[in-house]
Amino acid sequence: MSWSGPRKGRFYRFEALADGEGIVLRGEHDDVALRWSFSKMRPDSFPWRNEQSRDGGNTSTFVQWMNVTRR
């Protein structure tokens, strides 16, 4: 999976993995391990969690949480 952020010129590549009843996207950018988690998915909404690690994934830092609503 890929993600593009044109405003800041960012481009991330991810590997998508099943995680229980959710999905985890794992990638790396500038030596930072990225983990985006999607869980508790419903037809109209799902939470999205963004974490980063600067030590190869041994410890993670919470960056962002969004409750996404589908239209």
PDB file of N, CA and C in Angstrom:
ATOM      1  N   MET A   1       0.854  -1.138   0.000  1.00  0.00           N
ATOM      2  CA  MET A   1       0.000   0.000   0.000  1.00  0.00           C
ATOM      3  C   MET A   1       0.909   1.211   0.000  1.00  0.00           C
ATOM      4  N   SER A   2       0.486   2.270  -0.622  1.00  0.00           N
ATOM      5  CA  SER A   2       1.266   3.499  -0.608  1.00  0.00           C
ATOM      6  C   SER A   2       0.385   4.664  -0.169  1.00  0.00           C
ATOM      7  N   TRP A   3       1.034   5.664   0.419  1.00  0.00           N
ATOM      8  CA  TRP A   3       0.352   6.867   0.864  1.00  0.00           C
ATOM      9  C   TRP A   3       1.165   8.060   0.399  1.00  0.00           C
ATOM     10  N   SER A   4       0.488   9.046  -0.136  1.00  0.00           N
ATOM     11  CA  SER A   4       1.151  10.251  -0.624  1.00  0.00           C
ATOM     12  C   SER A   4       0.603  11.469   0.096  1.00  0.00           C
ATOM     13  N   GLY A   5       1.494  12.290   0.621  1.00  0.00           N
ATOM     14  CA  GLY A   5       1.131  13.554   1.250  1.00  0.00           C
ATOM     15  C   GLY A   5       1.732  14.690   0.447  1.00  0.00           C
ATOM     16  N   PRO A   6       1.036  15.163  -0.588  1.00  0.00           N
ATOM     17  CA  PRO A   6       1.624  16.144  -1.500  1.00  0.00           C
ATOM     18  C   PRO A   6       1.956  17.484  -0.859  1.00  0.00           C
ATOM     19  N   ARG A   7       1.252  17.847   0.182  1.00  0.00           N
ATOM     20  CA  ARG A   7       1.498  19.149   0.813  1.00  0.00           C
ATOM     21  C   ARG A   7       2.923  19.255   1.351  1.00  0.00           C
ATOM     22  N   LYS A   8       3.428  18.169   1.947  1.00  0.00           N
ATOM     23  CA  LYS A   8       4.796  18.170   2.485  1.00  0.00           C
ATOM     24  C   LYS A   8       5.740  17.309   1.642  1.00  0.00           C
ATOM     25  N   GLY A   9       5.237  16.820   0.502  1.00  0.00           N
ATOM     26  CA  GLY A   9       6.076  16.027  -0.389  1.00  0.00           C
ATOM     27  C   GLY A   9       6.461  14.673   0.175  1.00  0.00           C
ATOM     28  N   ARG A  10       5.599  14.066   0.957  1.00  0.00           N
ATOM     29  CA  ARG A  10       5.904  12.767   1.565  1.00  0.00           C
ATOM     30  C   ARG A  10       5.263  11.630   0.778  1.00  0.00           C
ATOM     31  N   PHE A  11       5.952  10.509   0.763  1.00  0.00           N
ATOM     32  CA  PHE A  11       5.456   9.301   0.122  1.00  0.00           C
ATOM     33  C   PHE A  11       5.893   8.120   0.973  1.00  0.00           C
ATOM     34  N   TYR A  12       4.936   7.338   1.461  1.00  0.00           N
ATOM     35  CA  TYR A  12       5.229   6.186   2.309  1.00  0.00           C
ATOM     36  C   TYR A  12       4.749   4.920   1.620  1.00  0.00           C
ATOM     37  N   ARG A  13       5.539   3.856   1.747  1.00  0.00           N
ATOM     38  CA  ARG A  13       5.119   2.523   1.306  1.00  0.00           C
ATOM     39  C   ARG A  13       4.893   1.671   2.545  1.00  0.00           C
ATOM     40  N   PHE A  14       3.823   0.895   2.504  1.00  0.00           N
ATOM     41  CA  PHE A  14       3.457   0.053   3.638  1.00  0.00           C
ATOM     42  C   PHE A  14       3.230  -1.387   3.199  1.00  0.00           C
ATOM     43  N   GLU A  15       3.382  -2.283   4.153  1.00  0.00           N
ATOM     44  CA  GLU A  15       2.969  -3.675   4.007  1.00  0.00           C
ATOM     45  C   GLU A  15       1.714  -3.824   4.866  1.00  0.00           C
ATOM     46  N   ALA A  16       0.641  -4.343   4.300  1.00  0.00           N
ATOM     47  CA  ALA A  16      -0.617  -4.525   5.021  1.00  0.00           C
ATOM     48  C   ALA A  16      -0.682  -5.939   5.581  1.00  0.00           C
ATOM     49  N   LEU A  17      -1.041  -6.043   6.856  1.00  0.00           N
ATOM     50  CA  LEU A  17      -1.139  -7.332   7.540  1.00  0.00           C
ATOM     51  C   LEU A  17      -2.455  -7.422   8.300  1.00  0.00           C
ATOM     52  N   ALA A  18      -3.006  -8.626   8.355  1.00  0.00           N
ATOM     53  CA  ALA A  18      -4.185  -8.855   9.187  1.00  0.00           C
ATOM     54  C   ALA A  18      -3.750  -8.830  10.647  1.00  0.00           C
ATOM     55  N   ASP A  19      -4.590  -8.245  11.506  1.00  0.00           N
ATOM     56  CA  ASP A  19      -4.303  -8.165  12.937  1.00  0.00           C
ATOM     57  C   ASP A  19      -5.596  -8.414  13.687  1.00  0.00           C
ATOM     58  N   GLY A  20      -5.868  -9.669  13.976  1.00  0.00           N
ATOM     59  CA  GLY A  20      -7.142 -10.008  14.597  1.00  0.00           C
ATOM     60  C   GLY A  20      -8.261  -9.655  13.658  1.00  0.00           C
ATOM     61  N   GLU A  21      -9.162  -8.780  14.100  1.00  0.00           N
ATOM     62  CA  GLU A  21     -10.266  -8.321  13.261  1.00  0.00           C
ATOM     63  C   GLU A  21      -9.947  -7.010  12.564  1.00  0.00           C
ATOM     64  N   GLY A  22      -8.697  -6.566  12.640  1.00  0.00           N
ATOM     65  CA  GLY A  22      -8.311  -5.300  12.040  1.00  0.00           C
ATOM     66  C   GLY A  22      -7.207  -5.459  11.008  1.00  0.00           C
ATOM     67  N   ILE A  23      -6.623  -4.324  10.644  1.00  0.00           N
ATOM     68  CA  ILE A  23      -5.549  -4.270   9.655  1.00  0.00           C
ATOM     69  C   ILE A  23      -4.439  -3.394  10.219  1.00  0.00           C
ATOM     70  N   VAL A  24      -3.198  -3.817  10.013  1.00  0.00           N
ATOM     71  CA  VAL A  24      -2.033  -3.020  10.400  1.00  0.00           C
ATOM     72  C   VAL A  24      -1.210  -2.752   9.153  1.00  0.00           C
ATOM     73  N   LEU A  25      -0.813  -1.492   8.979  1.00  0.00           N
ATOM     74  CA  LEU A  25       0.090  -1.110   7.898  1.00  0.00           C
ATOM     75  C   LEU A  25       1.444  -0.803   8.528  1.00  0.00           C
ATOM     76  N   ARG A  26       2.494  -1.455   8.034  1.00  0.00           N
ATOM     77  CA  ARG A  26       3.845  -1.223   8.547  1.00  0.00           C
ATOM     78  C   ARG A  26       4.725  -0.688   7.432  1.00  0.00           C
ATOM     79  N   GLY A  27       5.509   0.326   7.751  1.00  0.00           N
ATOM     80  CA  GLY A  27       6.413   0.909   6.778  1.00  0.00           C
ATOM     81  C   GLY A  27       7.577   1.581   7.461  1.00  0.00           C
ATOM     82  N   GLU A  28       8.398   2.262   6.672  1.00  0.00           N
ATOM     83  CA  GLU A  28       9.550   2.974   7.213  1.00  0.00           C
ATOM     84  C   GLU A  28       9.790   4.231   6.392  1.00  0.00           C
ATOM     85  N   HIS A  29      10.172   5.302   7.078  1.00  0.00           N
ATOM     86  CA  HIS A  29      10.488   6.561   6.404  1.00  0.00           C
ATOM     87  C   HIS A  29      11.565   7.280   7.213  1.00  0.00           C
ATOM     88  N   ASP A  30      12.677   7.612   6.572  1.00  0.00           N
ATOM     89  CA  ASP A  30      13.792   8.305   7.248  1.00  0.00           C
ATOM     90  C   ASP A  30      14.200   7.602   8.541  1.00  0.00           C
ATOM     91  N   ASP A  31      14.381   6.286   8.489  1.00  0.00           N
ATOM     92  CA  ASP A  31      14.804   5.467   9.640  1.00  0.00           C
ATOM     93  C   ASP A  31      13.801   5.465  10.796  1.00  0.00           C
ATOM     94  N   VAL A  32      12.556   5.793  10.513  1.00  0.00           N
ATOM     95  CA  VAL A  32      11.494   5.728  11.513  1.00  0.00           C
ATOM     96  C   VAL A  32      10.524   4.634  11.090  1.00  0.00           C
ATOM     97  N   ALA A  33      10.294   3.664  11.971  1.00  0.00           N
ATOM     98  CA  ALA A  33       9.318   2.608  11.695  1.00  0.00           C
ATOM     99  C   ALA A  33       7.919   3.170  11.918  1.00  0.00           C
ATOM    100  N   LEU A  34       7.049   2.985  10.939  1.00  0.00           N
ATOM    101  CA  LEU A  34       5.681   3.492  10.990  1.00  0.00           C
ATOM    102  C   LEU A  34       4.709   2.332  11.190  1.00  0.00           C
ATOM    103  N   ARG A  35       3.686   2.553  11.992  1.00  0.00           N
ATOM    104  CA  ARG A  35       2.639   1.543  12.213  1.00  0.00           C
ATOM    105  C   ARG A  35       1.305   2.273  12.261  1.00  0.00           C
ATOM    106  N   TRP A  36       0.460   1.974  11.288  1.00  0.00           N
ATOM    107  CA  TRP A  36      -0.888   2.521  11.252  1.00  0.00           C
ATOM    108  C   TRP A  36      -1.852   1.363  11.489  1.00  0.00           C
ATOM    109  N   SER A  37      -2.691   1.473  12.495  1.00  0.00           N
ATOM    110  CA  SER A  37      -3.612   0.399  12.877  1.00  0.00           C
ATOM    111  C   SER A  37      -5.056   0.827  12.655  1.00  0.00           C
ATOM    112  N   PHE A  38      -5.823  -0.078  12.082  1.00  0.00           N
ATOM    113  CA  PHE A  38      -7.252   0.113  11.852  1.00  0.00           C
ATOM    114  C   PHE A  38      -7.968  -1.040  12.534  1.00  0.00           C
ATOM    115  N   SER A  39      -8.887  -0.734  13.453  1.00  0.00           N
ATOM    116  CA  SER A  39      -9.563  -1.784  14.204  1.00  0.00           C
ATOM    117  C   SER A  39     -11.032  -1.421  14.403  1.00  0.00           C
ATOM    118  N   LYS A  40     -11.774  -2.370  14.936  1.00  0.00           N
ATOM    119  CA  LYS A  40     -13.201  -2.139  15.231  1.00  0.00           C
ATOM    120  C   LYS A  40     -13.921  -1.509  14.038  1.00  0.00           C
ATOM    121  N   MET A  41     -13.651  -2.044  12.853  1.00  0.00           N
ATOM    122  CA  MET A  41     -14.225  -1.477  11.633  1.00  0.00           C
ATOM    123  C   MET A  41     -15.718  -1.779  11.525  1.00  0.00           C
ATOM    124  N   ARG A  42     -16.473  -0.745  11.239  1.00  0.00           N
ATOM    125  CA  ARG A  42     -17.913  -0.838  11.034  1.00  0.00           C
ATOM    126  C   ARG A  42     -18.225  -0.337   9.628  1.00  0.00           C
ATOM    127  N   PRO A  43     -19.427  -0.579   9.140  1.00  0.00           N
ATOM    128  CA  PRO A  43     -19.774  -0.081   7.806  1.00  0.00           C
ATOM    129  C   PRO A  43     -19.676   1.440   7.684  1.00  0.00           C
ATOM    130  N   ASP A  44     -19.861   2.173   8.809  1.00  0.00           N
ATOM    131  CA  ASP A  44     -19.875   3.634   8.734  1.00  0.00           C
ATOM    132  C   ASP A  44     -18.706   4.330   9.438  1.00  0.00           C
ATOM    133  N   SER A  45     -17.836   3.572  10.133  1.00  0.00           N
ATOM    134  CA  SER A  45     -16.745   4.232  10.850  1.00  0.00           C
ATOM    135  C   SER A  45     -15.664   3.231  11.271  1.00  0.00           C
ATOM    136  N   PHE A  46     -14.495   3.770  11.630  1.00  0.00           N
ATOM    137  CA  PHE A  46     -13.411   2.965  12.186  1.00  0.00           C
ATOM    138  C   PHE A  46     -12.388   3.891  12.838  1.00  0.00           C
ATOM    139  N   PRO A  47     -11.712   3.424  13.896  1.00  0.00           N
ATOM    140  CA  PRO A  47     -10.630   4.199  14.477  1.00  0.00           C
ATOM    141  C   PRO A  47      -9.309   3.917  13.754  1.00  0.00           C
ATOM    142  N   TRP A  48      -8.468   4.935  13.668  1.00  0.00           N
ATOM    143  CA  TRP A  48      -7.161   4.835  13.022  1.00  0.00           C
ATOM    144  C   TRP A  48      -6.126   5.333  14.023  1.00  0.00           C
ATOM    145  N   ARG A  49      -5.072   4.547  14.263  1.00  0.00           N
ATOM    146  CA  ARG A  49      -4.021   4.888  15.225  1.00  0.00           C
ATOM    147  C   ARG A  49      -2.682   4.933  14.506  1.00  0.00           C
ATOM    148  N   ASN A  50      -1.918   5.974  14.741  1.00  0.00           N
ATOM    149  CA  ASN A  50      -0.619   6.182  14.122  1.00  0.00           C
ATOM    150  C   ASN A  50       0.451   6.110  15.215  1.00  0.00           C
ATOM    151  N   GLU A  51       1.419   5.198  15.054  1.00  0.00           N
ATOM    152  CA  GLU A  51       2.530   5.067  15.987  1.00  0.00           C
ATOM    153  C   GLU A  51       3.841   5.073  15.211  1.00  0.00           C
ATOM    154  N   GLN A  52       4.914   5.508  15.885  1.00  0.00           N
ATOM    155  CA  GLN A  52       6.237   5.513  15.274  1.00  0.00           C
ATOM    156  C   GLN A  52       7.253   4.930  16.245  1.00  0.00           C
ATOM    157  N   SER A  53       8.330   4.383  15.691  1.00  0.00           N
ATOM    158  CA  SER A  53       9.419   3.848  16.503  1.00  0.00           C
ATOM    159  C   SER A  53      10.748   4.276  15.903  1.00  0.00           C
ATOM    160  N   ARG A  54      11.645   4.706  16.744  1.00  0.00           N
ATOM    161  CA  ARG A  54      12.983   5.106  16.294  1.00  0.00           C
ATOM    162  C   ARG A  54      14.046   4.102  16.709  1.00  0.00           C
ATOM    163  N   ASP A  55      13.604   2.965  17.268  1.00  0.00           N
ATOM    164  CA  ASP A  55      14.557   1.930  17.683  1.00  0.00           C
ATOM    165  C   ASP A  55      14.228   0.569  17.074  1.00  0.00           C
ATOM    166  N   GLY A  56      13.799   0.594  15.814  1.00  0.00           N
ATOM    167  CA  GLY A  56      13.531  -0.651  15.105  1.00  0.00           C
ATOM    168  C   GLY A  56      12.268  -1.372  15.521  1.00  0.00           C
ATOM    169  N   GLY A  57      11.373  -0.689  16.197  1.00  0.00           N
ATOM    170  CA  GLY A  57      10.108  -1.300  16.594  1.00  0.00           C
ATOM    171  C   GLY A  57      10.091  -1.847  18.002  1.00  0.00           C
ATOM    172  N   ASN A  58      11.185  -1.696  18.743  1.00  0.00           N
ATOM    173  CA  ASN A  58      11.218  -2.194  20.128  1.00  0.00           C
ATOM    174  C   ASN A  58      10.280  -1.407  21.034  1.00  0.00           C
ATOM    175  N   THR A  59      10.235  -0.097  20.853  1.00  0.00           N
ATOM    176  CA  THR A  59       9.289   0.741  21.582  1.00  0.00           C
ATOM    177  C   THR A  59       8.579   1.645  20.576  1.00  0.00           C
ATOM    178  N   SER A  60       7.339   1.969  20.875  1.00  0.00           N
ATOM    179  CA  SER A  60       6.545   2.811  19.977  1.00  0.00           C
ATOM    180  C   SER A  60       6.096   4.073  20.690  1.00  0.00           C
ATOM    181  N   THR A  61       5.953   5.132  19.914  1.00  0.00           N
ATOM    182  CA  THR A  61       5.437   6.396  20.412  1.00  0.00           C
ATOM    183  C   THR A  61       4.115   6.682  19.714  1.00  0.00           C
ATOM    184  N   PHE A  62       3.097   6.955  20.508  1.00  0.00           N
ATOM    185  CA  PHE A  62       1.798   7.319  19.967  1.00  0.00           C
ATOM    186  C   PHE A  62       1.919   8.689  19.314  1.00  0.00           C
ATOM    187  N   VAL A  63       1.402   8.819  18.083  1.00  0.00           N
ATOM    188  CA  VAL A  63       1.491  10.078  17.343  1.00  0.00           C
ATOM    189  C   VAL A  63       0.110  10.699  17.134  1.00  0.00           C
ATOM    190  N   GLN A  64      -0.857   9.877  16.729  1.00  0.00           N
ATOM    191  CA  GLN A  64      -2.139  10.435  16.302  1.00  0.00           C
ATOM    192  C   GLN A  64      -3.232   9.386  16.374  1.00  0.00           C
ATOM    193  N   TRP A  65      -4.440   9.837  16.668  1.00  0.00           N
ATOM    194  CA  TRP A  65      -5.624   8.972  16.691  1.00  0.00           C
ATOM    195  C   TRP A  65      -6.742   9.698  15.970  1.00  0.00           C
ATOM    196  N   MET A  66      -7.449   8.980  15.105  1.00  0.00           N
ATOM    197  CA  MET A  66      -8.599   9.567  14.402  1.00  0.00           C
ATOM    198  C   MET A  66      -9.765   8.599  14.442  1.00  0.00           C
ATOM    199  N   ASN A  67     -10.950   9.135  14.643  1.00  0.00           N
ATOM    200  CA  ASN A  67     -12.163   8.361  14.449  1.00  0.00           C
ATOM    201  C   ASN A  67     -12.687   8.757  13.081  1.00  0.00           C
ATOM    202  N   VAL A  68     -12.604   7.832  12.145  1.00  0.00           N
ATOM    203  CA  VAL A  68     -12.944   8.101  10.749  1.00  0.00           C
ATOM    204  C   VAL A  68     -14.394   7.720  10.498  1.00  0.00           C
ATOM    205  N   THR A  69     -15.126   8.605   9.830  1.00  0.00           N
ATOM    206  CA  THR A  69     -16.517   8.349   9.465  1.00  0.00           C
ATOM    207  C   THR A  69     -16.599   8.239   7.954  1.00  0.00           C
ATOM    208  N   ARG A  70     -17.219   7.171   7.491  1.00  0.00           N
ATOM    209  CA  ARG A  70     -17.405   6.962   6.047  1.00  0.00           C
ATOM    210  C   ARG A  70     -18.694   7.632   5.603  1.00  0.00           C
ATOM    211  N   ARG A  71     -18.700   8.114   4.376  1.00  0.00           N
ATOM    212  CA  ARG A  71     -19.912   8.723   3.834  1.00  0.00           C
ATOM    213  C   ARG A  71     -20.515   7.826   2.791  1.00  0.00           C
TER     214      ARG A  71
END
